[in-house]
Amino acid sequence: MSSQSASASARGESMGQYSMGQYTDIMVGLLVPPLLLGLLVGRALADGLTQAGLASEQIFAGERLPNLNVPQTMSATDDEP
């Protein structure tokens, strides 16, 4: 038996098993791309909504409610004694 296989069997490892550190590396490797993609999508969505808000401000900048002419029903000079 070679010294390398003897040390592997003494630690309880074989060719088909992974150590906890390798599982951690695999999980980090699998979880990082979706996280980065989510950040990019979130940033693009926020920028798009900001641009839509600015465009709507420019569209409605000149739009205001018209002045309403409300008739005066009572004035201070028309008081009855």
C-alpha atoms as a PDB file:
ATOM      1  CA  MET A   1       0.000   0.000   0.000  1.00  0.00           C
ATOM      2  CA  SER A   2       1.353   3.392  -0.898  1.00  0.00           C
ATOM      3  CA  SER A   3       1.821   6.100   1.701  1.00  0.00           C
ATOM      4  CA  GLN A   4      -0.675   8.385  -0.041  1.00  0.00           C
ATOM      5  CA  SER A   5      -3.520   5.856  -0.004  1.00  0.00           C
ATOM      6  CA  ALA A   6      -2.622   4.861   3.572  1.00  0.00           C
ATOM      7  CA  SER A   7      -2.894   8.452   4.763  1.00  0.00           C
ATOM      8  CA  ALA A   8      -6.193   8.917   2.885  1.00  0.00           C
ATOM      9  CA  SER A   9      -7.670   5.795   4.435  1.00  0.00           C
ATOM     10  CA  ALA A  10      -6.444   6.866   7.871  1.00  0.00           C
ATOM     11  CA  ARG A  11      -8.340  10.132   7.522  1.00  0.00           C
ATOM     12  CA  GLY A  12     -11.459   8.309   6.331  1.00  0.00           C
ATOM     13  CA  GLU A  13     -11.390   9.789   2.822  1.00  0.00           C
ATOM     14  CA  SER A  14     -11.733   7.960  -0.426  1.00  0.00           C
ATOM     15  CA  MET A  15     -11.804   9.048  -4.037  1.00  0.00           C
ATOM     16  CA  GLY A  16     -15.613   9.544  -4.110  1.00  0.00           C
ATOM     17  CA  GLN A  17     -15.955  11.568  -0.899  1.00  0.00           C
ATOM     18  CA  TYR A  18     -15.638  15.297  -0.409  1.00  0.00           C
ATOM     19  CA  SER A  19     -14.551  17.076   2.711  1.00  0.00           C
ATOM     20  CA  MET A  20     -16.649  19.811   4.311  1.00  0.00           C
ATOM     21  CA  GLY A  21     -14.411  22.515   2.834  1.00  0.00           C
ATOM     22  CA  GLN A  22     -14.984  21.183  -0.661  1.00  0.00           C
ATOM     23  CA  TYR A  23     -18.771  21.213  -0.129  1.00  0.00           C
ATOM     24  CA  THR A  24     -18.504  24.815   1.010  1.00  0.00           C
ATOM     25  CA  ASP A  25     -16.499  25.734  -2.082  1.00  0.00           C
ATOM     26  CA  ILE A  26     -19.033  24.028  -4.333  1.00  0.00           C
ATOM     27  CA  MET A  27     -21.983  25.751  -2.649  1.00  0.00           C
ATOM     28  CA  VAL A  28     -20.319  29.164  -2.832  1.00  0.00           C
ATOM     29  CA  GLY A  29     -19.512  28.538  -6.485  1.00  0.00           C
ATOM     30  CA  LEU A  30     -23.132  27.634  -7.223  1.00  0.00           C
ATOM     31  CA  LEU A  31     -24.684  30.505  -5.264  1.00  0.00           C
ATOM     32  CA  VAL A  32     -22.519  33.419  -6.404  1.00  0.00           C
ATOM     33  CA  PRO A  33     -23.718  33.660 -10.051  1.00  0.00           C
ATOM     34  CA  PRO A  34     -27.448  33.903  -9.153  1.00  0.00           C
ATOM     35  CA  LEU A  35     -26.605  36.503  -6.514  1.00  0.00           C
ATOM     36  CA  LEU A  36     -24.642  38.620  -8.980  1.00  0.00           C
ATOM     37  CA  LEU A  37     -27.386  38.243 -11.583  1.00  0.00           C
ATOM     38  CA  GLY A  38     -29.969  39.363  -9.020  1.00  0.00           C
ATOM     39  CA  LEU A  39     -27.918  42.436  -8.177  1.00  0.00           C
ATOM     40  CA  LEU A  40     -27.562  43.346 -11.850  1.00  0.00           C
ATOM     41  CA  VAL A  41     -31.276  42.878 -12.506  1.00  0.00           C
ATOM     42  CA  GLY A  42     -32.149  44.931  -9.415  1.00  0.00           C
ATOM     43  CA  ARG A  43     -29.878  47.766 -10.482  1.00  0.00           C
ATOM     44  CA  ALA A  44     -31.249  47.719 -14.038  1.00  0.00           C
ATOM     45  CA  LEU A  45     -34.807  47.736 -12.706  1.00  0.00           C
ATOM     46  CA  ALA A  46     -34.084  50.653 -10.389  1.00  0.00           C
ATOM     47  CA  ASP A  47     -32.444  52.627 -13.200  1.00  0.00           C
ATOM     48  CA  GLY A  48     -35.359  51.896 -15.520  1.00  0.00           C
ATOM     49  CA  LEU A  49     -37.917  53.029 -12.973  1.00  0.00           C
ATOM     50  CA  THR A  50     -35.913  56.186 -12.289  1.00  0.00           C
ATOM     51  CA  GLN A  51     -35.800  56.976 -16.006  1.00  0.00           C
ATOM     52  CA  ALA A  52     -39.540  56.336 -16.318  1.00  0.00           C
ATOM     53  CA  GLY A  53     -40.173  58.721 -13.423  1.00  0.00           C
ATOM     54  CA  LEU A  54     -38.060  61.431 -14.990  1.00  0.00           C
ATOM     55  CA  ALA A  55     -39.792  60.985 -18.337  1.00  0.00           C
ATOM     56  CA  SER A  56     -43.210  61.238 -16.714  1.00  0.00           C
ATOM     57  CA  GLU A  57     -42.127  64.439 -14.949  1.00  0.00           C
ATOM     58  CA  GLN A  58     -41.155  65.930 -18.309  1.00  0.00           C
ATOM     59  CA  ILE A  59     -44.430  64.854 -19.907  1.00  0.00           C
ATOM     60  CA  PHE A  60     -46.592  66.322 -17.170  1.00  0.00           C
ATOM     61  CA  ALA A  61     -44.480  69.405 -16.437  1.00  0.00           C
ATOM     62  CA  GLY A  62     -46.729  71.736 -18.438  1.00  0.00           C
ATOM     63  CA  GLU A  63     -49.941  70.009 -17.424  1.00  0.00           C
ATOM     64  CA  ARG A  64     -51.708  71.779 -14.609  1.00  0.00           C
ATOM     65  CA  LEU A  65     -55.291  71.975 -13.521  1.00  0.00           C
ATOM     66  CA  PRO A  66     -57.110  74.928 -15.040  1.00  0.00           C
ATOM     67  CA  ASN A  67     -58.050  77.854 -12.859  1.00  0.00           C
ATOM     68  CA  LEU A  68     -61.674  77.531 -11.894  1.00  0.00           C
ATOM     69  CA  ASN A  69     -63.809  80.650 -11.818  1.00  0.00           C
ATOM     70  CA  VAL A  70     -65.860  80.181  -8.684  1.00  0.00           C
ATOM     71  CA  PRO A  71     -68.667  82.714  -8.414  1.00  0.00           C
ATOM     72  CA  GLN A  72     -68.778  84.702  -5.222  1.00  0.00           C
ATOM     73  CA  THR A  73     -72.224  84.182  -3.674  1.00  0.00           C
ATOM     74  CA  MET A  74     -71.707  86.466  -0.701  1.00  0.00           C
ATOM     75  CA  SER A  75     -69.504  89.464  -0.461  1.00  0.00           C
ATOM     76  CA  ALA A  76     -68.748  91.741   2.471  1.00  0.00           C
ATOM     77  CA  THR A  77     -70.714  94.674   0.927  1.00  0.00           C
ATOM     78  CA  ASP A  78     -73.919  92.666   0.486  1.00  0.00           C
ATOM     79  CA  ASP A  79     -74.498  92.054   4.194  1.00  0.00           C
ATOM     80  CA  GLU A  80     -78.077  92.471   5.319  1.00  0.00           C
ATOM     81  CA  PRO A  81     -78.687  94.427   8.556  1.00  0.00           C
END
